[in-house]
Amino acid sequence: MLVLFGLSQQPRRHGELVDLIGGISRKVLTQTLRRLQQYGLVERHAEAPRRVEYSLTDLGRTLVEPIEVLTNWARDHGGAIADFQEAAEAAP
């Protein structure tokens, strides 16, 4: 979901996605991008050997709105979830 959201605004290069997402290894990102390509959600554009960009396909763009809804939900309710987690950890 993070990769799809990262590509929702514009095509991006591999390194840009690594920086944008944070906490993801290059290997895992490569595997994820390949899987998303297999699902028809992402396309790979190679202009030169060292110039590769990834973008959402038409199908991939259909997920942008649902991802934004989930992102807004998480932003609005993340504190409540953290409170429940802390309470569960503190319970005997």
N, C-alpha and C. Protein backbone atom coordinates (compact mmCIF):
# COMPACT_ATOMS: atom_id res chain seq x y z
N MET A 1 0.82 -1.18 0.00
CA MET A 1 0.00 0.00 0.00
C MET A 1 0.88 1.26 0.00
N LEU A 2 1.99 1.22 0.72
CA LEU A 2 2.87 2.38 0.77
C LEU A 2 3.49 2.68 -0.59
N VAL A 3 3.83 1.64 -1.33
CA VAL A 3 4.41 1.83 -2.66
C VAL A 3 3.37 2.45 -3.59
N LEU A 4 2.17 1.94 -3.56
CA LEU A 4 1.10 2.49 -4.40
C LEU A 4 0.84 3.94 -4.04
N PHE A 5 0.80 4.25 -2.76
CA PHE A 5 0.59 5.63 -2.34
C PHE A 5 1.75 6.51 -2.79
N GLY A 6 2.98 5.98 -2.71
CA GLY A 6 4.15 6.74 -3.15
C GLY A 6 4.12 7.06 -4.63
N LEU A 7 3.48 6.22 -5.40
CA LEU A 7 3.38 6.45 -6.85
C LEU A 7 2.11 7.20 -7.24
N SER A 8 1.27 7.54 -6.28
CA SER A 8 -0.03 8.12 -6.60
C SER A 8 0.07 9.54 -7.18
N GLN A 9 1.11 10.26 -6.86
CA GLN A 9 1.22 11.64 -7.32
C GLN A 9 1.99 11.78 -8.64
N GLN A 10 2.98 10.91 -8.83
CA GLN A 10 3.84 11.02 -10.01
C GLN A 10 4.69 9.77 -10.14
N PRO A 11 5.23 9.53 -11.33
CA PRO A 11 6.18 8.42 -11.48
C PRO A 11 7.43 8.70 -10.62
N ARG A 12 8.02 7.64 -10.14
CA ARG A 12 9.21 7.80 -9.29
C ARG A 12 10.25 6.74 -9.61
N ARG A 13 11.49 7.11 -9.34
CA ARG A 13 12.59 6.17 -9.48
C ARG A 13 12.70 5.33 -8.21
N HIS A 14 13.41 4.23 -8.33
CA HIS A 14 13.57 3.28 -7.23
C HIS A 14 14.09 3.98 -5.97
N GLY A 15 15.16 4.74 -6.12
CA GLY A 15 15.76 5.43 -4.97
C GLY A 15 14.82 6.44 -4.33
N GLU A 16 14.01 7.10 -5.14
CA GLU A 16 13.03 8.04 -4.60
C GLU A 16 12.01 7.32 -3.73
N LEU A 17 11.59 6.14 -4.18
CA LEU A 17 10.64 5.35 -3.39
C LEU A 17 11.26 4.89 -2.08
N VAL A 18 12.52 4.48 -2.11
CA VAL A 18 13.20 4.06 -0.88
C VAL A 18 13.20 5.21 0.12
N ASP A 19 13.55 6.41 -0.35
CA ASP A 19 13.59 7.59 0.53
C ASP A 19 12.20 7.97 1.02
N LEU A 20 11.24 7.90 0.14
CA LEU A 20 9.88 8.31 0.47
C LEU A 20 9.24 7.38 1.49
N ILE A 21 9.40 6.09 1.30
CA ILE A 21 8.78 5.10 2.17
C ILE A 21 9.53 5.00 3.50
N GLY A 22 10.85 4.93 3.43
CA GLY A 22 11.64 4.79 4.65
C GLY A 22 11.45 3.42 5.28
N GLY A 23 12.52 2.86 5.81
CA GLY A 23 12.43 1.59 6.51
C GLY A 23 12.22 0.39 5.61
N ILE A 24 12.44 0.52 4.31
CA ILE A 24 12.31 -0.60 3.39
C ILE A 24 13.65 -0.80 2.69
N SER A 25 14.06 -2.05 2.60
CA SER A 25 15.33 -2.31 1.91
C SER A 25 15.11 -2.24 0.41
N ARG A 26 16.18 -2.02 -0.31
CA ARG A 26 16.09 -1.96 -1.77
C ARG A 26 15.60 -3.30 -2.33
N LYS A 27 16.05 -4.40 -1.72
CA LYS A 27 15.66 -5.72 -2.18
C LYS A 27 14.15 -5.94 -2.02
N VAL A 28 13.63 -5.59 -0.85
CA VAL A 28 12.20 -5.77 -0.60
C VAL A 28 11.38 -4.86 -1.51
N LEU A 29 11.84 -3.64 -1.74
CA LEU A 29 11.14 -2.74 -2.65
C LEU A 29 11.12 -3.31 -4.06
N THR A 30 12.25 -3.84 -4.51
CA THR A 30 12.31 -4.45 -5.84
C THR A 30 11.33 -5.61 -5.96
N GLN A 31 11.29 -6.46 -4.95
CA GLN A 31 10.35 -7.59 -4.96
C GLN A 31 8.91 -7.10 -4.98
N THR A 32 8.63 -6.08 -4.20
CA THR A 32 7.28 -5.52 -4.15
C THR A 32 6.88 -4.92 -5.48
N LEU A 33 7.78 -4.16 -6.10
CA LEU A 33 7.48 -3.55 -7.40
C LEU A 33 7.24 -4.62 -8.46
N ARG A 34 8.02 -5.67 -8.43
CA ARG A 34 7.82 -6.77 -9.40
C ARG A 34 6.46 -7.44 -9.19
N ARG A 35 6.09 -7.65 -7.95
CA ARG A 35 4.80 -8.26 -7.66
C ARG A 35 3.66 -7.34 -8.11
N LEU A 36 3.78 -6.05 -7.86
CA LEU A 36 2.75 -5.10 -8.29
C LEU A 36 2.66 -5.03 -9.81
N GLN A 37 3.80 -5.22 -10.49
CA GLN A 37 3.78 -5.29 -11.96
C GLN A 37 3.01 -6.53 -12.41
N GLN A 38 3.24 -7.66 -11.75
CA GLN A 38 2.55 -8.90 -12.10
C GLN A 38 1.05 -8.78 -11.90
N TYR A 39 0.63 -7.97 -10.93
CA TYR A 39 -0.79 -7.76 -10.66
C TYR A 39 -1.40 -6.72 -11.59
N GLY A 40 -0.57 -6.07 -12.40
CA GLY A 40 -1.07 -5.06 -13.33
C GLY A 40 -1.32 -3.71 -12.70
N LEU A 41 -0.72 -3.45 -11.53
CA LEU A 41 -0.94 -2.19 -10.82
C LEU A 41 0.14 -1.16 -11.08
N VAL A 42 1.33 -1.62 -11.45
CA VAL A 42 2.49 -0.73 -11.64
C VAL A 42 3.15 -1.09 -12.96
N GLU A 43 3.66 -0.06 -13.64
CA GLU A 43 4.45 -0.32 -14.85
C GLU A 43 5.84 0.29 -14.69
N ARG A 44 6.77 -0.37 -15.33
CA ARG A 44 8.19 0.01 -15.27
C ARG A 44 8.57 0.63 -16.61
N HIS A 45 9.19 1.82 -16.55
CA HIS A 45 9.62 2.53 -17.75
C HIS A 45 11.13 2.69 -17.69
N ALA A 46 11.83 2.07 -18.63
CA ALA A 46 13.29 2.17 -18.67
C ALA A 46 13.68 3.05 -19.86
N GLU A 47 14.19 4.25 -19.56
CA GLU A 47 14.63 5.17 -20.60
C GLU A 47 16.08 4.91 -20.98
N ALA A 48 16.84 4.47 -20.02
CA ALA A 48 18.25 4.13 -20.21
C ALA A 48 18.57 3.11 -19.12
N PRO A 49 19.69 2.44 -19.23
CA PRO A 49 20.00 1.41 -18.22
C PRO A 49 19.93 1.93 -16.78
N ARG A 50 20.31 3.16 -16.54
CA ARG A 50 20.32 3.69 -15.18
C ARG A 50 19.14 4.63 -14.92
N ARG A 51 18.21 4.72 -15.85
CA ARG A 51 17.07 5.65 -15.69
C ARG A 51 15.76 4.86 -15.81
N VAL A 52 15.31 4.33 -14.68
CA VAL A 52 14.09 3.52 -14.64
C VAL A 52 13.10 4.22 -13.71
N GLU A 53 11.88 4.38 -14.19
CA GLU A 53 10.82 4.96 -13.37
C GLU A 53 9.66 3.98 -13.28
N TYR A 54 8.93 4.11 -12.19
CA TYR A 54 7.75 3.29 -11.97
C TYR A 54 6.54 4.22 -11.86
N SER A 55 5.43 3.77 -12.40
CA SER A 55 4.20 4.55 -12.31
C SER A 55 3.02 3.60 -12.16
N LEU A 56 1.90 4.16 -11.75
CA LEU A 56 0.68 3.37 -11.63
C LEU A 56 0.05 3.17 -13.00
N THR A 57 -0.52 2.01 -13.19
CA THR A 57 -1.32 1.75 -14.38
C THR A 57 -2.71 2.34 -14.15
N ASP A 58 -3.57 2.26 -15.15
CA ASP A 58 -4.95 2.70 -14.96
C ASP A 58 -5.60 1.92 -13.83
N LEU A 59 -5.35 0.62 -13.78
CA LEU A 59 -5.89 -0.21 -12.71
C LEU A 59 -5.34 0.22 -11.36
N GLY A 60 -4.05 0.48 -11.30
CA GLY A 60 -3.42 0.93 -10.06
C GLY A 60 -4.00 2.24 -9.56
N ARG A 61 -4.32 3.14 -10.49
CA ARG A 61 -4.90 4.44 -10.10
C ARG A 61 -6.28 4.29 -9.47
N THR A 62 -6.97 3.19 -9.73
CA THR A 62 -8.27 2.99 -9.10
C THR A 62 -8.14 2.77 -7.59
N LEU A 63 -6.93 2.48 -7.11
CA LEU A 63 -6.71 2.26 -5.68
C LEU A 63 -6.34 3.53 -4.93
N VAL A 64 -6.07 4.61 -5.63
CA VAL A 64 -5.61 5.84 -4.97
C VAL A 64 -6.67 6.36 -3.98
N GLU A 65 -7.90 6.45 -4.40
CA GLU A 65 -8.95 6.97 -3.51
C GLU A 65 -9.15 6.09 -2.28
N PRO A 66 -9.29 4.77 -2.43
CA PRO A 66 -9.41 3.93 -1.21
C PRO A 66 -8.20 4.04 -0.29
N ILE A 67 -7.00 4.17 -0.84
CA ILE A 67 -5.81 4.32 0.00
C ILE A 67 -5.86 5.64 0.76
N GLU A 68 -6.32 6.71 0.09
CA GLU A 68 -6.44 8.01 0.77
C GLU A 68 -7.45 7.94 1.90
N VAL A 69 -8.55 7.21 1.69
CA VAL A 69 -9.56 7.05 2.74
C VAL A 69 -8.95 6.33 3.94
N LEU A 70 -8.21 5.25 3.69
CA LEU A 70 -7.57 4.52 4.79
C LEU A 70 -6.51 5.37 5.49
N THR A 71 -5.77 6.15 4.73
CA THR A 71 -4.76 7.03 5.32
C THR A 71 -5.42 8.05 6.24
N ASN A 72 -6.51 8.65 5.79
CA ASN A 72 -7.22 9.62 6.63
C ASN A 72 -7.78 8.97 7.88
N TRP A 73 -8.31 7.74 7.72
CA TRP A 73 -8.82 7.02 8.88
C TRP A 73 -7.70 6.78 9.89
N ALA A 74 -6.56 6.32 9.42
CA ALA A 74 -5.43 6.05 10.31
C ALA A 74 -4.96 7.33 11.01
N ARG A 75 -4.95 8.43 10.28
CA ARG A 75 -4.54 9.70 10.86
C ARG A 75 -5.53 10.11 11.96
N ASP A 76 -6.82 9.92 11.71
CA ASP A 76 -7.85 10.33 12.67
C ASP A 76 -7.92 9.41 13.89
N HIS A 77 -7.63 8.12 13.71
CA HIS A 77 -7.84 7.15 14.78
C HIS A 77 -6.56 6.48 15.29
N GLY A 78 -5.43 6.90 14.78
CA GLY A 78 -4.16 6.30 15.20
C GLY A 78 -3.90 6.42 16.69
N GLY A 79 -4.27 7.56 17.26
CA GLY A 79 -4.08 7.75 18.70
C GLY A 79 -4.89 6.77 19.52
N ALA A 80 -6.12 6.51 19.11
CA ALA A 80 -6.98 5.57 19.84
C ALA A 80 -6.40 4.16 19.77
N ILE A 81 -5.86 3.79 18.62
CA ILE A 81 -5.26 2.47 18.48
C ILE A 81 -4.05 2.34 19.39
N ALA A 82 -3.22 3.39 19.41
CA ALA A 82 -2.04 3.38 20.28
C ALA A 82 -2.46 3.28 21.75
N ASP A 83 -3.53 3.97 22.13
CA ASP A 83 -4.02 3.89 23.51
C ASP A 83 -4.45 2.47 23.87
N PHE A 84 -5.18 1.81 22.97
CA PHE A 84 -5.60 0.43 23.21
C PHE A 84 -4.40 -0.51 23.32
N GLN A 85 -3.40 -0.31 22.47
CA GLN A 85 -2.20 -1.15 22.52
C GLN A 85 -1.47 -0.97 23.85
N GLU A 86 -1.33 0.28 24.28
CA GLU A 86 -0.65 0.54 25.56
C GLU A 86 -1.41 -0.08 26.72
N ALA A 87 -2.75 0.02 26.68
CA ALA A 87 -3.56 -0.57 27.75
C ALA A 87 -3.43 -2.09 27.76
N ALA A 88 -3.41 -2.69 26.60
CA ALA A 88 -3.28 -4.16 26.51
C ALA A 88 -1.91 -4.61 27.03
N GLU A 89 -0.87 -3.85 26.74
CA GLU A 89 0.48 -4.20 27.20
C GLU A 89 0.61 -4.03 28.71
N ALA A 90 -0.13 -3.07 29.27
CA ALA A 90 -0.05 -2.80 30.70
C ALA A 90 -0.90 -3.76 31.52
N ALA A 91 -1.87 -4.41 30.89
CA ALA A 91 -2.77 -5.33 31.59
C ALA A 91 -2.00 -6.59 32.02
N PRO A 92 -2.33 -7.09 33.20
CA PRO A 92 -1.63 -8.30 33.69
C PRO A 92 -1.97 -9.55 32.93
